[in-house]
N, C-alpha and C. Protein backbone atom coordinates (compact mmCIF):
# COMPACT_ATOMS: atom_id res chain seq x y z
N MET A 1 5.19 18.16 15.56
CA MET A 1 5.40 16.82 15.54
C MET A 1 6.30 16.35 14.63
N ILE A 2 7.52 15.68 15.02
CA ILE A 2 8.45 14.97 13.96
C ILE A 2 7.92 13.84 13.67
N ARG A 3 7.77 13.85 12.19
CA ARG A 3 7.54 12.38 11.27
C ARG A 3 8.10 12.49 10.43
N PRO A 4 8.61 11.05 9.97
CA PRO A 4 9.78 10.66 8.95
C PRO A 4 8.65 10.99 7.47
N ILE A 5 9.59 11.42 6.38
CA ILE A 5 8.88 11.52 5.10
C ILE A 5 9.48 10.05 4.47
N LEU A 6 8.49 9.43 4.23
CA LEU A 6 8.62 8.02 3.54
C LEU A 6 8.66 7.82 1.84
N SER A 7 9.33 8.97 1.15
CA SER A 7 8.80 9.27 -0.14
C SER A 7 10.13 10.05 -0.64
N ASP A 8 10.77 9.83 -1.81
CA ASP A 8 11.89 10.67 -2.03
C ASP A 8 11.33 12.07 -2.50
N LEU A 9 9.95 12.10 -2.90
CA LEU A 9 9.08 13.18 -3.64
C LEU A 9 8.47 13.67 -2.85
N THR A 10 8.18 15.07 -2.65
CA THR A 10 7.07 15.55 -1.78
C THR A 10 6.52 16.88 -2.79
N VAL A 11 5.46 17.11 -2.29
CA VAL A 11 4.61 18.28 -2.82
C VAL A 11 3.68 18.95 -1.50
N ASP A 12 3.66 20.20 -1.71
CA ASP A 12 2.40 21.06 -0.76
C ASP A 12 1.11 20.69 -0.86
N ILE A 13 0.22 20.34 -0.36
CA ILE A 13 -1.21 20.31 -0.53
C ILE A 13 -1.91 21.11 -1.35
N VAL A 14 -1.26 22.58 -1.21
CA VAL A 14 -1.85 23.39 -1.99
C VAL A 14 -1.68 23.30 -3.40
N GLU A 15 -0.62 22.87 -3.71
CA GLU A 15 0.00 22.77 -5.12
C GLU A 15 -0.91 21.36 -5.51
N LEU A 16 -1.02 20.40 -4.65
CA LEU A 16 -2.12 19.19 -5.31
C LEU A 16 -3.42 19.63 -5.60
N LYS A 17 -4.20 20.53 -4.64
CA LYS A 17 -5.51 21.00 -4.85
C LYS A 17 -5.54 21.69 -6.26
N LYS A 18 -4.40 22.83 -6.64
CA LYS A 18 -4.51 23.53 -7.47
C LYS A 18 -4.50 22.44 -9.17
N ASN A 19 -3.84 21.59 -9.01
CA ASN A 19 -3.91 20.99 -10.10
C ASN A 19 -3.56 19.21 -9.81
N PRO A 20 -4.26 18.28 -9.33
CA PRO A 20 -3.86 16.96 -8.86
C PRO A 20 -3.37 16.16 -10.03
N MET A 21 -3.90 16.29 -10.96
CA MET A 21 -3.51 15.40 -12.04
C MET A 21 -1.94 15.85 -12.93
N ALA A 22 -1.78 17.33 -12.40
CA ALA A 22 -0.47 17.78 -12.83
C ALA A 22 0.75 16.92 -12.03
N VAL A 23 0.34 16.85 -10.56
CA VAL A 23 1.10 16.14 -9.65
C VAL A 23 1.45 14.90 -9.95
N VAL A 24 0.26 13.98 -10.26
CA VAL A 24 0.14 12.65 -10.82
C VAL A 24 1.33 12.20 -11.84
N GLU A 25 0.95 13.41 -12.95
CA GLU A 25 2.05 13.15 -13.96
C GLU A 25 3.36 13.56 -13.82
N THR A 26 3.62 14.66 -13.21
CA THR A 26 4.67 14.92 -12.99
C THR A 26 5.75 13.90 -12.25
N VAL A 27 5.34 13.15 -11.00
CA VAL A 27 5.72 12.47 -10.61
C VAL A 27 5.95 10.85 -11.26
N GLY A 28 5.13 10.74 -12.29
CA GLY A 28 5.55 9.33 -13.31
C GLY A 28 5.69 8.48 -12.45
N GLY A 29 4.57 8.47 -11.56
CA GLY A 29 3.80 6.65 -11.16
C GLY A 29 4.79 6.65 -9.86
N MET A 30 5.79 7.58 -9.12
CA MET A 30 6.37 7.38 -7.98
C MET A 30 5.10 7.89 -6.93
N PRO A 31 5.45 7.29 -6.09
CA PRO A 31 5.04 7.58 -4.46
C PRO A 31 5.40 8.96 -4.39
N VAL A 32 4.49 10.15 -3.95
CA VAL A 32 4.53 11.33 -3.36
C VAL A 32 4.04 11.62 -2.15
N ALA A 33 4.91 12.35 -1.10
CA ALA A 33 4.11 12.46 0.24
C ALA A 33 3.62 13.80 -0.18
N ILE A 34 2.16 14.14 0.76
CA ILE A 34 1.62 15.49 0.43
C ILE A 34 1.70 16.03 1.71
N LEU A 35 2.32 17.04 1.70
CA LEU A 35 2.75 18.22 3.02
C LEU A 35 1.71 19.20 3.25
N ASP A 36 1.39 19.29 4.67
CA ASP A 36 0.83 20.54 5.22
C ASP A 36 1.22 21.18 6.11
N GLY A 37 2.07 22.35 6.06
CA GLY A 37 2.67 22.71 6.87
C GLY A 37 4.11 22.05 7.00
N ASN A 38 4.46 21.37 5.84
CA ASN A 38 5.89 20.82 5.99
C ASN A 38 5.78 19.39 6.91
N GLN A 39 4.58 18.98 6.91
CA GLN A 39 4.22 17.76 7.60
C GLN A 39 3.63 16.67 6.71
N PRO A 40 4.15 15.72 6.50
CA PRO A 40 3.30 14.85 5.58
C PRO A 40 1.87 14.28 6.27
N VAL A 41 1.09 14.42 5.67
CA VAL A 41 -0.58 14.08 5.94
C VAL A 41 -1.01 13.10 5.12
N PHE A 42 -0.87 12.55 3.84
CA PHE A 42 -0.99 11.22 3.37
C PHE A 42 0.19 11.49 2.02
N TYR A 43 -0.01 10.17 1.57
CA TYR A 43 0.91 9.45 0.52
C TYR A 43 0.16 9.45 -0.85
N CYS A 44 0.65 9.58 -1.78
CA CYS A 44 -0.41 9.49 -3.22
C CYS A 44 0.70 8.62 -3.96
N VAL A 45 0.15 7.33 -4.30
CA VAL A 45 0.24 6.64 -4.89
C VAL A 45 -0.57 6.07 -6.71
N SER A 46 0.34 5.63 -7.54
CA SER A 46 -0.61 5.32 -8.71
C SER A 46 -1.02 4.20 -8.04
N ALA A 47 -1.98 3.56 -9.17
CA ALA A 47 -3.04 2.72 -9.10
C ALA A 47 -2.20 1.22 -9.10
N GLU A 48 -1.22 1.48 -9.93
CA GLU A 48 -0.43 0.24 -9.98
C GLU A 48 0.10 -0.13 -8.83
N ALA A 49 0.67 0.89 -8.23
CA ALA A 49 1.50 0.77 -7.29
C ALA A 49 0.87 -0.10 -5.75
N TYR A 50 -0.40 0.94 -5.85
CA TYR A 50 -1.45 0.70 -5.06
C TYR A 50 -1.92 -1.04 -5.01
N GLU A 51 -2.17 -1.35 -6.06
CA GLU A 51 -2.73 -2.80 -6.18
C GLU A 51 -1.53 -3.50 -5.85
N ALA A 52 -0.05 -3.79 -6.19
CA ALA A 52 0.94 -4.22 -5.75
C ALA A 52 1.25 -4.34 -4.45
N LEU A 53 0.85 -3.25 -3.75
CA LEU A 53 1.04 -3.04 -2.28
C LEU A 53 0.08 -4.20 -1.63
N ILE A 54 -1.18 -4.01 -1.96
CA ILE A 54 -2.36 -4.67 -1.66
C ILE A 54 -1.89 -6.23 -2.20
N ASN A 55 -1.62 -6.66 -3.01
CA ASN A 55 -1.02 -7.79 -3.22
C ASN A 55 -0.19 -8.65 -2.34
N LYS A 56 0.81 -7.54 -2.19
CA LYS A 56 1.91 -8.28 -1.17
C LYS A 56 1.31 -8.23 0.00
N LEU A 57 0.66 -7.26 0.61
CA LEU A 57 -0.15 -7.52 1.97
C LEU A 57 -0.55 -8.87 2.10
N GLU A 58 -1.65 -9.07 0.94
CA GLU A 58 -2.22 -10.10 1.13
C GLU A 58 -1.37 -11.57 1.00
N ASP A 59 -0.41 -11.48 0.31
CA ASP A 59 0.61 -12.42 -0.10
C ASP A 59 1.45 -13.03 1.82
N ILE A 60 1.56 -11.65 2.49
CA ILE A 60 1.90 -12.16 3.56
C ILE A 60 0.99 -12.58 4.54
N GLU A 61 -0.20 -12.02 4.35
CA GLU A 61 -1.58 -12.89 5.34
C GLU A 61 -1.59 -14.28 4.99
N LEU A 62 -1.76 -14.53 3.89
CA LEU A 62 -1.50 -15.98 3.43
C LEU A 62 -0.61 -16.93 4.06
N THR A 63 0.91 -16.27 3.71
CA THR A 63 1.54 -16.89 4.53
C THR A 63 1.73 -17.09 5.61
N THR A 64 1.34 -15.93 6.30
CA THR A 64 1.47 -16.30 7.87
C THR A 64 0.37 -17.30 8.20
N LEU A 65 -0.82 -17.35 7.62
CA LEU A 65 -2.12 -18.36 7.52
C LEU A 65 -1.49 -19.88 7.49
N VAL A 66 -0.23 -19.86 6.43
CA VAL A 66 -0.05 -21.23 6.35
C VAL A 66 1.13 -21.63 7.07
N GLY A 67 1.55 -20.77 7.67
CA GLY A 67 2.80 -20.94 9.16
C GLY A 67 1.64 -21.30 9.77
N ASP A 68 0.84 -20.72 10.72
CA ASP A 68 0.11 -21.14 11.82
C ASP A 68 -0.60 -22.29 11.66
N ARG A 69 -1.02 -22.40 10.79
CA ARG A 69 -1.53 -24.13 10.06
C ARG A 69 -0.71 -25.16 9.84
N ARG A 70 0.58 -24.87 9.82
CA ARG A 70 1.53 -26.15 9.12
C ARG A 70 1.49 -27.05 10.35
N ASP A 71 1.43 -26.93 11.57
CA ASP A 71 1.32 -28.26 12.12
C ASP A 71 0.01 -28.62 12.83
N GLN A 72 -1.06 -28.44 12.11
CA GLN A 72 -2.22 -28.78 12.45
C GLN A 72 -2.34 -30.32 12.12
N GLY A 73 -2.93 -30.88 12.51
CA GLY A 73 -3.18 -32.44 12.06
C GLY A 73 -3.97 -32.49 10.52
N GLU A 74 -3.99 -33.23 9.72
CA GLU A 74 -4.65 -33.75 8.66
C GLU A 74 -6.15 -33.96 9.40
N ILE A 75 -7.27 -33.61 8.08
CA ILE A 75 -8.62 -33.88 8.50
C ILE A 75 -8.89 -34.89 7.36
N GLU A 76 -9.38 -36.03 7.55
CA GLU A 76 -9.73 -37.06 6.56
C GLU A 76 -10.97 -36.62 6.19
N VAL A 77 -11.10 -36.44 4.62
CA VAL A 77 -12.54 -36.05 3.93
C VAL A 77 -12.60 -36.86 2.62
N SER A 78 -13.95 -37.55 2.81
CA SER A 78 -14.31 -38.25 1.46
C SER A 78 -14.90 -37.44 0.57
N VAL A 79 -14.48 -38.01 -0.98
CA VAL A 79 -14.84 -37.01 -2.19
C VAL A 79 -16.26 -37.00 -2.29
N ASP A 80 -17.00 -38.18 -1.63
CA ASP A 80 -18.36 -38.11 -1.74
C ASP A 80 -19.03 -37.00 -0.92
N SER A 81 -18.59 -36.70 0.00
CA SER A 81 -18.86 -35.61 1.21
C SER A 81 -18.89 -34.28 0.70
N LEU A 82 -18.05 -34.29 -0.33
CA LEU A 82 -17.68 -32.59 -0.84
C LEU A 82 -18.96 -32.62 -1.94
């Protein structure tokens, strides 16, 4: 199966198993594709990059929700009922 490698950096899974922290330190926080038999099996990203990715996905979800609700009518609410 031919699959794209969506990272500038790659490492074989054997090297990752030998010393995972050495790989993390070597890539300096950049995403790295982990290869098994020259095929990407997963991507390793720093905690900071993962958190940024999750935040971006949440922003996209909220933007979609706002767009979906934009044309809904207003609901009258009394402060006393809150």
